[in-house]
N, C-alpha and C. Protein backbone atom coordinates (compact mmCIF):
# COMPACT_ATOMS: atom_id res chain seq x y z
N SER A 1 -104.98 -57.76 -120.42
CA SER A 1 -104.82 -58.89 -121.32
C SER A 1 -103.37 -59.00 -121.75
N ALA A 2 -103.00 -60.18 -122.19
CA ALA A 2 -101.62 -60.44 -122.60
C ALA A 2 -101.34 -59.81 -123.97
N PRO A 3 -100.10 -59.43 -124.20
CA PRO A 3 -99.72 -58.90 -125.51
C PRO A 3 -99.92 -59.95 -126.60
N ALA A 4 -99.87 -59.54 -127.83
CA ALA A 4 -99.99 -60.46 -128.96
C ALA A 4 -98.91 -61.53 -128.87
N ASN A 5 -99.06 -62.58 -129.64
CA ASN A 5 -98.14 -63.72 -129.60
C ASN A 5 -96.80 -63.34 -130.24
N THR A 6 -96.06 -62.49 -129.55
CA THR A 6 -94.75 -62.06 -130.04
C THR A 6 -93.72 -62.28 -128.95
N MET A 7 -92.51 -62.53 -129.37
CA MET A 7 -91.39 -62.65 -128.46
C MET A 7 -90.44 -61.50 -128.76
N SER A 8 -89.87 -60.93 -127.73
CA SER A 8 -88.88 -59.90 -127.96
C SER A 8 -87.65 -60.52 -128.61
N ILE A 9 -87.19 -61.65 -128.03
CA ILE A 9 -86.03 -62.36 -128.58
C ILE A 9 -86.40 -63.83 -128.63
N GLU A 10 -86.33 -64.43 -129.81
CA GLU A 10 -86.62 -65.85 -129.99
C GLU A 10 -85.40 -66.51 -130.60
N TYR A 11 -84.79 -67.42 -129.84
CA TYR A 11 -83.58 -68.12 -130.27
C TYR A 11 -83.97 -69.49 -130.78
N THR A 12 -83.83 -69.71 -132.09
CA THR A 12 -84.23 -70.98 -132.69
C THR A 12 -83.09 -71.75 -133.31
N GLY A 13 -81.87 -71.30 -133.16
CA GLY A 13 -80.74 -72.07 -133.67
C GLY A 13 -79.57 -71.20 -134.05
N GLY A 14 -78.47 -71.89 -134.30
CA GLY A 14 -77.27 -71.18 -134.72
C GLY A 14 -76.22 -71.20 -133.64
N ASP A 15 -75.36 -70.20 -133.66
CA ASP A 15 -74.28 -70.10 -132.69
C ASP A 15 -74.85 -69.83 -131.30
N ASP A 16 -73.98 -69.89 -130.32
CA ASP A 16 -74.39 -69.61 -128.96
C ASP A 16 -74.98 -68.20 -128.86
N LEU A 17 -75.92 -68.04 -127.96
CA LEU A 17 -76.65 -66.79 -127.82
C LEU A 17 -76.16 -66.02 -126.61
N ILE A 18 -75.96 -64.72 -126.77
CA ILE A 18 -75.70 -63.81 -125.66
C ILE A 18 -76.70 -62.67 -125.78
N VAL A 19 -77.51 -62.49 -124.73
CA VAL A 19 -78.46 -61.38 -124.66
C VAL A 19 -77.99 -60.51 -123.51
N GLU A 20 -77.57 -59.28 -123.81
CA GLU A 20 -76.91 -58.45 -122.80
C GLU A 20 -77.32 -56.99 -122.93
N ASN A 21 -77.59 -56.35 -121.77
CA ASN A 21 -77.85 -54.91 -121.68
C ASN A 21 -79.06 -54.46 -122.50
N ASN A 22 -80.21 -55.14 -122.29
CA ASN A 22 -81.45 -54.79 -122.98
C ASN A 22 -82.57 -54.53 -121.99
N THR A 23 -83.57 -53.81 -122.45
CA THR A 23 -84.83 -53.68 -121.74
C THR A 23 -85.86 -54.42 -122.57
N ILE A 24 -86.45 -55.47 -121.98
CA ILE A 24 -87.34 -56.37 -122.70
C ILE A 24 -88.68 -56.34 -121.97
N VAL A 25 -89.64 -55.60 -122.50
CA VAL A 25 -90.92 -55.40 -121.81
C VAL A 25 -92.09 -55.55 -122.78
N ASP A 26 -93.25 -55.92 -122.22
CA ASP A 26 -94.55 -55.90 -122.92
C ASP A 26 -94.59 -56.79 -124.16
N ASN A 27 -94.10 -58.03 -124.02
CA ASN A 27 -94.18 -59.02 -125.09
C ASN A 27 -94.97 -60.22 -124.58
N TYR A 28 -95.24 -61.18 -125.46
CA TYR A 28 -95.88 -62.43 -125.06
C TYR A 28 -94.93 -63.17 -124.11
N HIS A 29 -93.74 -63.52 -124.59
CA HIS A 29 -92.62 -63.98 -123.77
C HIS A 29 -91.50 -62.97 -124.00
N GLY A 30 -90.72 -62.67 -122.95
CA GLY A 30 -89.60 -61.76 -123.15
C GLY A 30 -88.51 -62.39 -124.01
N ILE A 31 -88.06 -63.59 -123.59
CA ILE A 31 -87.03 -64.33 -124.33
C ILE A 31 -87.50 -65.77 -124.42
N LEU A 32 -87.47 -66.34 -125.63
CA LEU A 32 -87.81 -67.74 -125.85
C LEU A 32 -86.58 -68.45 -126.39
N ILE A 33 -86.12 -69.47 -125.67
CA ILE A 33 -85.00 -70.28 -126.14
C ILE A 33 -85.59 -71.60 -126.61
N ALA A 34 -85.57 -71.83 -127.92
CA ALA A 34 -86.22 -72.99 -128.51
C ALA A 34 -85.28 -73.72 -129.45
N SER A 35 -84.04 -73.92 -129.01
CA SER A 35 -83.06 -74.57 -129.86
C SER A 35 -81.94 -75.13 -129.01
N GLN A 36 -81.18 -76.07 -129.61
CA GLN A 36 -79.98 -76.55 -128.93
C GLN A 36 -78.91 -75.49 -129.02
N GLY A 37 -78.04 -75.45 -128.03
CA GLY A 37 -76.97 -74.47 -127.98
C GLY A 37 -76.95 -73.81 -126.63
N ASN A 38 -75.92 -73.06 -126.38
CA ASN A 38 -75.75 -72.39 -125.10
C ASN A 38 -76.30 -70.97 -125.17
N ALA A 39 -76.77 -70.50 -124.03
CA ALA A 39 -77.31 -69.13 -123.98
C ALA A 39 -76.86 -68.46 -122.69
N THR A 40 -76.45 -67.21 -122.79
CA THR A 40 -76.14 -66.37 -121.64
C THR A 40 -77.03 -65.15 -121.72
N ILE A 41 -77.77 -64.92 -120.63
CA ILE A 41 -78.69 -63.78 -120.55
C ILE A 41 -78.26 -62.97 -119.34
N ARG A 42 -77.71 -61.76 -119.57
CA ARG A 42 -77.17 -61.00 -118.44
C ARG A 42 -77.37 -59.50 -118.61
N ASP A 43 -77.52 -58.85 -117.44
CA ASP A 43 -77.61 -57.39 -117.36
C ASP A 43 -78.78 -56.82 -118.16
N ASN A 44 -79.94 -57.49 -118.09
CA ASN A 44 -81.14 -57.03 -118.78
C ASN A 44 -82.23 -56.70 -117.78
N VAL A 45 -83.20 -55.92 -118.21
CA VAL A 45 -84.45 -55.74 -117.49
C VAL A 45 -85.50 -56.49 -118.30
N ILE A 46 -86.11 -57.51 -117.69
CA ILE A 46 -87.09 -58.36 -118.35
C ILE A 46 -88.36 -58.26 -117.53
N SER A 47 -89.31 -57.46 -117.99
CA SER A 47 -90.43 -57.08 -117.12
C SER A 47 -91.71 -56.86 -117.92
N GLY A 48 -92.84 -57.16 -117.29
CA GLY A 48 -94.13 -56.82 -117.86
C GLY A 48 -94.52 -57.63 -119.08
N ASN A 49 -93.89 -58.78 -119.30
CA ASN A 49 -94.26 -59.63 -120.43
C ASN A 49 -95.49 -60.43 -120.04
N GLY A 50 -96.36 -60.73 -121.01
CA GLY A 50 -97.65 -61.32 -120.73
C GLY A 50 -97.59 -62.69 -120.09
N TYR A 51 -96.61 -63.50 -120.44
CA TYR A 51 -96.52 -64.86 -119.90
C TYR A 51 -95.18 -65.05 -119.20
N GLN A 52 -94.16 -65.52 -119.90
CA GLN A 52 -92.88 -65.81 -119.27
C GLN A 52 -91.90 -64.66 -119.53
N GLY A 53 -91.12 -64.32 -118.51
CA GLY A 53 -90.00 -63.41 -118.75
C GLY A 53 -88.98 -64.10 -119.64
N ILE A 54 -88.59 -65.32 -119.23
CA ILE A 54 -87.67 -66.17 -120.00
C ILE A 54 -88.28 -67.55 -120.05
N LYS A 55 -88.38 -68.12 -121.25
CA LYS A 55 -88.91 -69.48 -121.41
C LYS A 55 -87.88 -70.33 -122.13
N VAL A 56 -87.52 -71.45 -121.51
CA VAL A 56 -86.68 -72.46 -122.14
C VAL A 56 -87.63 -73.57 -122.57
N ALA A 57 -87.85 -73.71 -123.89
CA ALA A 57 -88.87 -74.61 -124.42
C ALA A 57 -88.42 -76.06 -124.33
N GLY A 58 -89.25 -76.89 -123.76
CA GLY A 58 -88.97 -78.31 -123.62
C GLY A 58 -88.93 -79.00 -124.97
N GLY A 59 -88.09 -80.03 -125.08
CA GLY A 59 -88.00 -80.81 -126.30
C GLY A 59 -87.14 -80.17 -127.36
N GLN A 60 -87.04 -78.86 -127.35
CA GLN A 60 -86.26 -78.17 -128.36
C GLN A 60 -84.90 -77.75 -127.82
N ALA A 61 -84.81 -77.46 -126.54
CA ALA A 61 -83.58 -76.97 -125.93
C ALA A 61 -82.91 -78.13 -125.18
N LYS A 62 -82.44 -79.14 -125.91
CA LYS A 62 -82.00 -80.39 -125.28
C LYS A 62 -80.64 -80.31 -124.60
N ASP A 63 -79.63 -79.85 -125.27
CA ASP A 63 -78.26 -79.92 -124.76
C ASP A 63 -77.73 -78.57 -124.31
N ASN A 64 -78.61 -77.70 -123.95
CA ASN A 64 -78.23 -76.35 -123.61
C ASN A 64 -77.53 -76.25 -122.26
N ASN A 65 -76.68 -75.26 -122.17
CA ASN A 65 -76.19 -74.73 -120.91
C ASN A 65 -76.69 -73.30 -120.87
N ILE A 66 -77.64 -73.03 -119.96
CA ILE A 66 -78.26 -71.71 -119.87
C ILE A 66 -77.72 -70.99 -118.64
N VAL A 67 -77.21 -69.78 -118.82
CA VAL A 67 -76.75 -68.94 -117.71
C VAL A 67 -77.58 -67.67 -117.74
N ILE A 68 -78.27 -67.39 -116.62
CA ILE A 68 -79.09 -66.20 -116.48
C ILE A 68 -78.55 -65.45 -115.27
N GLU A 69 -77.88 -64.29 -115.51
CA GLU A 69 -77.20 -63.62 -114.41
C GLU A 69 -77.34 -62.11 -114.49
N SER A 70 -77.46 -61.51 -113.31
CA SER A 70 -77.44 -60.05 -113.14
C SER A 70 -78.56 -59.34 -113.90
N ASN A 71 -79.74 -59.93 -113.94
CA ASN A 71 -80.91 -59.34 -114.58
C ASN A 71 -81.92 -58.90 -113.53
N THR A 72 -82.83 -58.02 -113.92
CA THR A 72 -84.04 -57.78 -113.17
C THR A 72 -85.16 -58.47 -113.93
N ILE A 73 -85.78 -59.46 -113.27
CA ILE A 73 -86.84 -60.27 -113.89
C ILE A 73 -88.07 -60.07 -113.03
N SER A 74 -89.00 -59.22 -113.48
CA SER A 74 -90.09 -58.81 -112.60
C SER A 74 -91.39 -58.58 -113.36
N ASN A 75 -92.48 -58.71 -112.61
CA ASN A 75 -93.81 -58.32 -113.08
C ASN A 75 -94.23 -58.99 -114.39
N ASN A 76 -93.80 -60.23 -114.60
CA ASN A 76 -94.23 -60.97 -115.78
C ASN A 76 -95.53 -61.70 -115.46
N GLY A 77 -96.38 -61.91 -116.48
CA GLY A 77 -97.73 -62.39 -116.28
C GLY A 77 -97.84 -63.79 -115.71
N GLN A 78 -96.84 -64.64 -115.91
CA GLN A 78 -96.83 -65.96 -115.28
C GLN A 78 -95.53 -66.12 -114.50
N ASN A 79 -94.49 -66.58 -115.14
CA ASN A 79 -93.24 -66.88 -114.45
C ASN A 79 -92.11 -65.95 -114.87
N GLY A 80 -91.21 -65.69 -113.93
CA GLY A 80 -89.99 -64.97 -114.30
C GLY A 80 -89.18 -65.80 -115.27
N THR A 81 -88.92 -67.06 -114.90
CA THR A 81 -88.22 -68.00 -115.76
C THR A 81 -88.92 -69.35 -115.71
N LEU A 82 -89.29 -69.89 -116.86
CA LEU A 82 -89.90 -71.21 -116.98
C LEU A 82 -88.94 -72.11 -117.73
N ILE A 83 -88.59 -73.23 -117.12
CA ILE A 83 -87.75 -74.23 -117.78
C ILE A 83 -88.60 -75.48 -117.95
N GLN A 84 -88.97 -75.77 -119.19
CA GLN A 84 -89.77 -76.95 -119.47
C GLN A 84 -88.88 -78.18 -119.53
N ASP A 85 -89.47 -79.35 -119.39
CA ASP A 85 -88.73 -80.61 -119.45
C ASP A 85 -88.13 -80.78 -120.85
N THR A 86 -86.81 -80.79 -120.93
CA THR A 86 -86.14 -80.93 -122.22
C THR A 86 -85.96 -82.38 -122.62
N GLY A 87 -86.24 -83.31 -121.70
CA GLY A 87 -86.08 -84.72 -122.01
C GLY A 87 -84.64 -85.18 -122.06
N ASN A 88 -83.71 -84.36 -121.59
CA ASN A 88 -82.29 -84.72 -121.65
C ASN A 88 -81.62 -84.27 -120.37
N SER A 89 -80.98 -85.18 -119.67
CA SER A 89 -80.35 -84.84 -118.39
C SER A 89 -79.03 -84.10 -118.56
N SER A 90 -78.54 -83.90 -119.79
CA SER A 90 -77.31 -83.12 -119.97
C SER A 90 -77.58 -81.61 -119.96
N PHE A 91 -78.85 -81.22 -119.93
CA PHE A 91 -79.22 -79.82 -119.83
C PHE A 91 -78.75 -79.27 -118.49
N THR A 92 -78.18 -78.05 -118.48
CA THR A 92 -77.80 -77.39 -117.22
C THR A 92 -78.32 -75.96 -117.23
N GLY A 93 -78.64 -75.48 -116.04
CA GLY A 93 -79.12 -74.11 -115.91
C GLY A 93 -78.60 -73.46 -114.65
N GLU A 94 -78.13 -72.23 -114.78
CA GLU A 94 -77.65 -71.44 -113.64
C GLU A 94 -78.34 -70.08 -113.69
N ILE A 95 -79.01 -69.75 -112.59
CA ILE A 95 -79.72 -68.48 -112.47
C ILE A 95 -79.17 -67.81 -111.23
N THR A 96 -78.36 -66.77 -111.39
CA THR A 96 -77.64 -66.21 -110.24
C THR A 96 -77.50 -64.70 -110.33
N GLN A 97 -77.46 -64.05 -109.16
CA GLN A 97 -77.24 -62.60 -109.03
C GLN A 97 -78.33 -61.77 -109.70
N ASN A 98 -79.55 -62.30 -109.75
CA ASN A 98 -80.68 -61.60 -110.35
C ASN A 98 -81.58 -61.01 -109.28
N ASN A 99 -82.37 -60.01 -109.65
CA ASN A 99 -83.49 -59.54 -108.85
C ASN A 99 -84.73 -60.18 -109.46
N ILE A 100 -85.34 -61.14 -108.75
CA ILE A 100 -86.49 -61.89 -109.26
C ILE A 100 -87.66 -61.59 -108.34
N VAL A 101 -88.53 -60.69 -108.76
CA VAL A 101 -89.61 -60.22 -107.88
C VAL A 101 -90.90 -59.99 -108.65
N ASP A 102 -92.02 -60.19 -107.95
CA ASP A 102 -93.36 -59.79 -108.40
C ASP A 102 -93.81 -60.40 -109.72
N ASN A 103 -93.36 -61.62 -110.02
CA ASN A 103 -93.92 -62.35 -111.16
C ASN A 103 -95.19 -63.05 -110.68
N SER A 104 -96.20 -63.17 -111.51
CA SER A 104 -97.52 -63.61 -111.04
C SER A 104 -97.52 -65.01 -110.45
N ASP A 105 -96.88 -65.99 -111.09
CA ASP A 105 -96.91 -67.36 -110.58
C ASP A 105 -95.63 -67.69 -109.82
N PHE A 106 -94.54 -67.85 -110.52
CA PHE A 106 -93.28 -68.24 -109.90
C PHE A 106 -92.15 -67.35 -110.40
N GLY A 107 -91.17 -67.12 -109.54
CA GLY A 107 -89.94 -66.46 -109.97
C GLY A 107 -89.15 -67.41 -110.87
N VAL A 108 -89.04 -68.68 -110.43
CA VAL A 108 -88.40 -69.73 -111.22
C VAL A 108 -89.28 -70.97 -111.13
N ALA A 109 -89.68 -71.50 -112.29
CA ALA A 109 -90.45 -72.75 -112.38
C ALA A 109 -89.66 -73.73 -113.22
N ASN A 110 -89.20 -74.81 -112.60
CA ASN A 110 -88.45 -75.84 -113.31
C ASN A 110 -89.34 -77.07 -113.46
N GLN A 111 -89.71 -77.39 -114.68
CA GLN A 111 -90.54 -78.55 -114.95
C GLN A 111 -89.73 -79.75 -115.38
N HIS A 112 -88.41 -79.65 -115.35
CA HIS A 112 -87.52 -80.74 -115.75
C HIS A 112 -87.23 -81.59 -114.51
N PRO A 113 -87.79 -82.79 -114.40
CA PRO A 113 -87.68 -83.56 -113.15
C PRO A 113 -86.29 -84.08 -112.84
N ASP A 114 -85.42 -84.19 -113.85
CA ASP A 114 -84.11 -84.82 -113.65
C ASP A 114 -82.96 -83.84 -113.53
N VAL A 115 -83.22 -82.55 -113.63
CA VAL A 115 -82.16 -81.55 -113.60
C VAL A 115 -82.47 -80.53 -112.51
N VAL A 116 -81.51 -80.34 -111.60
CA VAL A 116 -81.65 -79.33 -110.56
C VAL A 116 -81.05 -78.03 -111.09
N ILE A 117 -81.85 -76.97 -111.08
CA ILE A 117 -81.39 -75.66 -111.53
C ILE A 117 -80.70 -74.96 -110.36
N ASP A 118 -79.50 -74.45 -110.60
CA ASP A 118 -78.75 -73.69 -109.60
C ASP A 118 -79.26 -72.26 -109.62
N ALA A 119 -80.02 -71.89 -108.59
CA ALA A 119 -80.58 -70.53 -108.50
C ALA A 119 -80.10 -69.88 -107.21
N THR A 120 -78.80 -69.93 -106.96
CA THR A 120 -78.24 -69.37 -105.75
C THR A 120 -77.92 -67.88 -105.93
N SER A 121 -77.89 -67.18 -104.81
CA SER A 121 -77.47 -65.78 -104.74
C SER A 121 -78.34 -64.84 -105.57
N ASN A 122 -79.64 -65.04 -105.53
CA ASN A 122 -80.59 -64.12 -106.15
C ASN A 122 -81.32 -63.35 -105.06
N TRP A 123 -81.86 -62.19 -105.41
CA TRP A 123 -82.75 -61.46 -104.52
C TRP A 123 -84.17 -61.83 -104.91
N TRP A 124 -84.93 -62.36 -103.96
CA TRP A 124 -86.27 -62.88 -104.20
C TRP A 124 -87.36 -61.93 -103.70
N GLY A 125 -87.00 -60.79 -103.18
CA GLY A 125 -87.98 -59.84 -102.68
C GLY A 125 -88.23 -59.95 -101.19
N ALA A 126 -87.53 -60.83 -100.50
CA ALA A 126 -87.67 -60.97 -99.05
C ALA A 126 -86.35 -61.48 -98.47
N THR A 127 -86.00 -61.00 -97.31
CA THR A 127 -84.72 -61.39 -96.70
C THR A 127 -84.69 -62.86 -96.31
N ASN A 128 -85.85 -63.51 -96.18
CA ASN A 128 -85.84 -64.93 -95.83
C ASN A 128 -85.97 -65.82 -97.06
N GLY A 129 -85.76 -65.27 -98.23
CA GLY A 129 -85.68 -66.07 -99.45
C GLY A 129 -87.01 -66.31 -100.12
N PRO A 130 -87.00 -67.22 -101.10
CA PRO A 130 -88.19 -67.46 -101.92
C PRO A 130 -89.23 -68.32 -101.21
N GLY A 131 -90.46 -68.18 -101.69
CA GLY A 131 -91.58 -69.00 -101.22
C GLY A 131 -91.87 -70.10 -102.21
N GLY A 132 -93.14 -70.47 -102.32
CA GLY A 132 -93.54 -71.58 -103.20
C GLY A 132 -93.18 -72.89 -102.54
N ASP A 133 -92.31 -73.67 -103.17
CA ASP A 133 -91.87 -74.95 -102.60
C ASP A 133 -90.97 -74.75 -101.39
N LEU A 134 -90.53 -73.52 -101.14
CA LEU A 134 -89.64 -73.22 -100.01
C LEU A 134 -90.40 -72.38 -98.99
N ASN A 135 -89.75 -72.04 -97.88
CA ASN A 135 -90.44 -71.43 -96.75
C ASN A 135 -90.34 -69.92 -96.64
N GLY A 136 -89.75 -69.24 -97.62
CA GLY A 136 -89.59 -67.80 -97.51
C GLY A 136 -90.83 -67.05 -97.91
N ASN A 137 -90.74 -65.73 -97.88
CA ASN A 137 -91.84 -64.85 -98.25
C ASN A 137 -91.62 -64.17 -99.60
N GLY A 138 -90.52 -64.49 -100.28
CA GLY A 138 -90.22 -63.85 -101.55
C GLY A 138 -90.89 -64.55 -102.72
N SER A 139 -90.47 -64.19 -103.92
CA SER A 139 -91.02 -64.81 -105.13
C SER A 139 -90.92 -66.32 -105.03
N ALA A 140 -91.93 -66.99 -105.52
CA ALA A 140 -92.03 -68.44 -105.38
C ALA A 140 -91.13 -69.17 -106.37
N VAL A 141 -90.67 -70.36 -105.97
CA VAL A 141 -89.98 -71.29 -106.86
C VAL A 141 -90.70 -72.62 -106.79
N THR A 142 -90.59 -73.39 -107.87
CA THR A 142 -91.16 -74.73 -107.89
C THR A 142 -90.30 -75.65 -108.74
N GLY A 143 -90.32 -76.92 -108.39
CA GLY A 143 -89.53 -77.92 -109.10
C GLY A 143 -88.15 -78.05 -108.50
N PRO A 144 -87.30 -78.87 -109.11
CA PRO A 144 -85.95 -79.05 -108.59
C PRO A 144 -85.09 -77.80 -108.80
N VAL A 145 -85.00 -76.98 -107.76
CA VAL A 145 -84.25 -75.73 -107.82
C VAL A 145 -83.43 -75.63 -106.54
N SER A 146 -82.13 -75.42 -106.67
CA SER A 146 -81.25 -75.21 -105.53
C SER A 146 -81.16 -73.71 -105.28
N VAL A 147 -81.56 -73.29 -104.06
CA VAL A 147 -81.67 -71.87 -103.76
C VAL A 147 -80.92 -71.56 -102.47
N ASP A 148 -80.11 -70.53 -102.50
CA ASP A 148 -79.45 -70.01 -101.32
C ASP A 148 -79.72 -68.51 -101.32
N PRO A 149 -80.75 -68.05 -100.61
CA PRO A 149 -81.18 -66.66 -100.77
C PRO A 149 -80.15 -65.62 -100.36
N ALA A 150 -79.30 -65.92 -99.41
CA ALA A 150 -78.21 -65.00 -99.06
C ALA A 150 -77.01 -65.86 -98.74
N THR A 151 -75.95 -65.68 -99.49
CA THR A 151 -74.75 -66.48 -99.26
C THR A 151 -74.13 -66.05 -97.94
N ILE A 152 -74.06 -66.97 -97.00
CA ILE A 152 -73.57 -66.65 -95.65
C ILE A 152 -72.34 -67.51 -95.38
N SER A 153 -71.27 -66.88 -94.93
CA SER A 153 -70.08 -67.64 -94.55
C SER A 153 -69.67 -67.23 -93.15
N LEU A 154 -69.23 -68.20 -92.37
CA LEU A 154 -68.80 -67.94 -91.00
C LEU A 154 -67.28 -68.07 -90.97
N ASP A 155 -66.61 -67.02 -90.56
CA ASP A 155 -65.16 -67.03 -90.50
C ASP A 155 -64.73 -66.23 -89.28
N ASP A 156 -64.17 -66.89 -88.29
CA ASP A 156 -63.67 -66.24 -87.09
C ASP A 156 -64.71 -65.35 -86.41
N GLY A 157 -65.95 -65.84 -86.31
CA GLY A 157 -66.97 -65.11 -85.57
C GLY A 157 -67.68 -64.04 -86.35
N SER A 158 -67.44 -63.92 -87.67
CA SER A 158 -68.18 -62.93 -88.43
C SER A 158 -69.07 -63.63 -89.45
N VAL A 159 -70.18 -63.04 -89.74
CA VAL A 159 -71.08 -63.55 -90.76
C VAL A 159 -71.09 -62.52 -91.88
N SER A 160 -70.76 -62.96 -93.07
CA SER A 160 -70.74 -62.06 -94.22
C SER A 160 -71.92 -62.38 -95.11
N LEU A 161 -72.84 -61.42 -95.28
CA LEU A 161 -73.95 -61.57 -96.20
C LEU A 161 -73.49 -60.97 -97.52
N THR A 162 -73.25 -61.82 -98.51
CA THR A 162 -72.65 -61.34 -99.75
C THR A 162 -73.68 -60.96 -100.79
N GLN A 163 -74.95 -60.98 -100.46
CA GLN A 163 -76.00 -60.59 -101.40
C GLN A 163 -76.46 -59.18 -101.07
N ASP A 164 -76.70 -58.37 -102.10
CA ASP A 164 -77.34 -57.08 -101.88
C ASP A 164 -78.77 -57.34 -101.46
N PHE A 165 -79.24 -56.65 -100.44
CA PHE A 165 -80.62 -56.84 -100.02
C PHE A 165 -81.14 -55.61 -99.32
N LEU A 166 -82.45 -55.58 -99.15
CA LEU A 166 -83.13 -54.50 -98.47
C LEU A 166 -84.02 -55.14 -97.42
N GLY A 167 -83.92 -54.73 -96.18
CA GLY A 167 -84.80 -55.32 -95.18
C GLY A 167 -84.26 -55.20 -93.79
N VAL A 168 -84.80 -56.02 -92.92
CA VAL A 168 -84.43 -56.02 -91.51
C VAL A 168 -83.80 -57.35 -91.18
N VAL A 169 -82.66 -57.32 -90.51
CA VAL A 169 -82.03 -58.52 -90.01
C VAL A 169 -82.49 -58.67 -88.57
N GLU A 170 -83.25 -59.71 -88.29
CA GLU A 170 -83.79 -59.88 -86.95
C GLU A 170 -82.88 -60.82 -86.16
N ASP A 171 -82.13 -60.26 -85.26
CA ASP A 171 -81.24 -61.03 -84.40
C ASP A 171 -80.94 -60.19 -83.17
N SER A 172 -80.05 -60.67 -82.33
CA SER A 172 -79.77 -59.94 -81.09
C SER A 172 -79.09 -58.60 -81.34
N GLN A 173 -78.53 -58.40 -82.53
CA GLN A 173 -77.89 -57.12 -82.85
C GLN A 173 -78.91 -56.08 -83.32
N ASN A 174 -80.11 -56.52 -83.74
CA ASN A 174 -81.20 -55.63 -84.12
C ASN A 174 -80.78 -54.61 -85.18
N VAL A 175 -80.26 -55.10 -86.31
CA VAL A 175 -79.76 -54.25 -87.38
C VAL A 175 -80.87 -54.01 -88.39
N THR A 176 -81.05 -52.76 -88.81
CA THR A 176 -82.02 -52.43 -89.85
C THR A 176 -81.27 -51.77 -91.00
N LEU A 177 -81.53 -52.23 -92.23
CA LEU A 177 -80.93 -51.63 -93.41
C LEU A 177 -82.01 -50.78 -94.07
N ASN A 178 -81.68 -49.57 -94.43
CA ASN A 178 -82.65 -48.66 -95.02
C ASN A 178 -82.41 -48.43 -96.51
N GLY A 179 -81.62 -49.26 -97.13
CA GLY A 179 -81.38 -49.14 -98.56
C GLY A 179 -80.63 -50.37 -99.02
N THR A 180 -80.44 -50.49 -100.32
CA THR A 180 -79.66 -51.60 -100.83
C THR A 180 -78.25 -51.45 -100.30
N SER A 181 -77.71 -52.54 -99.77
CA SER A 181 -76.44 -52.42 -99.09
C SER A 181 -75.66 -53.71 -99.16
N ASP A 182 -74.36 -53.62 -99.39
CA ASP A 182 -73.47 -54.74 -99.12
C ASP A 182 -73.12 -54.60 -97.65
N ALA A 183 -73.30 -55.64 -96.89
CA ALA A 183 -73.13 -55.51 -95.45
C ALA A 183 -72.36 -56.69 -94.88
N THR A 184 -71.52 -56.43 -93.91
CA THR A 184 -70.88 -57.47 -93.13
C THR A 184 -71.16 -57.16 -91.69
N PHE A 185 -71.71 -58.15 -90.97
CA PHE A 185 -72.02 -58.01 -89.57
C PHE A 185 -71.12 -58.94 -88.77
N SER A 186 -70.61 -58.48 -87.66
CA SER A 186 -69.80 -59.31 -86.81
C SER A 186 -70.56 -59.62 -85.53
N PHE A 187 -70.55 -60.89 -85.13
CA PHE A 187 -71.20 -61.35 -83.92
C PHE A 187 -70.21 -62.20 -83.17
N ASP A 188 -70.41 -62.30 -81.85
CA ASP A 188 -69.58 -63.28 -81.17
C ASP A 188 -70.12 -64.67 -81.52
N SER A 189 -69.29 -65.68 -81.43
CA SER A 189 -69.65 -67.00 -81.93
C SER A 189 -70.84 -67.60 -81.18
N GLU A 190 -71.17 -67.14 -79.97
CA GLU A 190 -72.30 -67.68 -79.23
C GLU A 190 -73.63 -67.19 -79.79
N SER A 191 -73.67 -66.02 -80.42
CA SER A 191 -74.94 -65.50 -80.91
C SER A 191 -75.20 -65.85 -82.38
N VAL A 192 -74.28 -66.55 -83.02
CA VAL A 192 -74.44 -66.89 -84.44
C VAL A 192 -75.31 -68.13 -84.57
């Protein structure tokens, strides 16, 4: 069953919010943003909360700029991050460099139809990226979300995977990674 109706951190107004270097577990929602203002959530473990790991409440968080970076957001009872419709297109959200895995419904659920959430360079639990509205096998995403599961750049015949990941790269080079690794693979331009 879900924990009692408590939030570990509930932001209802005031100056800009920074939530940094915390372990946020076993709450109703891990973090609730229910006010106008900017919020930065970084370097936290947000796990095992009954409903949302992070919830941006619609109607209350109108003009926010939300940055969620370098967190582990996992094993939450519904969504890793839920962004409700704020009713204002000036709202912006960036979710980057996080480990978003094993949340019951979605890793990222964006219910705001007019705002695309930038969720690039996250680890979704699978080397082919997130599932849900997308075609990967990792944590699901839904709604207008821009996702780039592994930042890949081609420069003079090399492919640089700039995301930390664990898994198998299936290609003619047959490379297997056995741990979290920053990796650069070089291929001739015909096999890329």
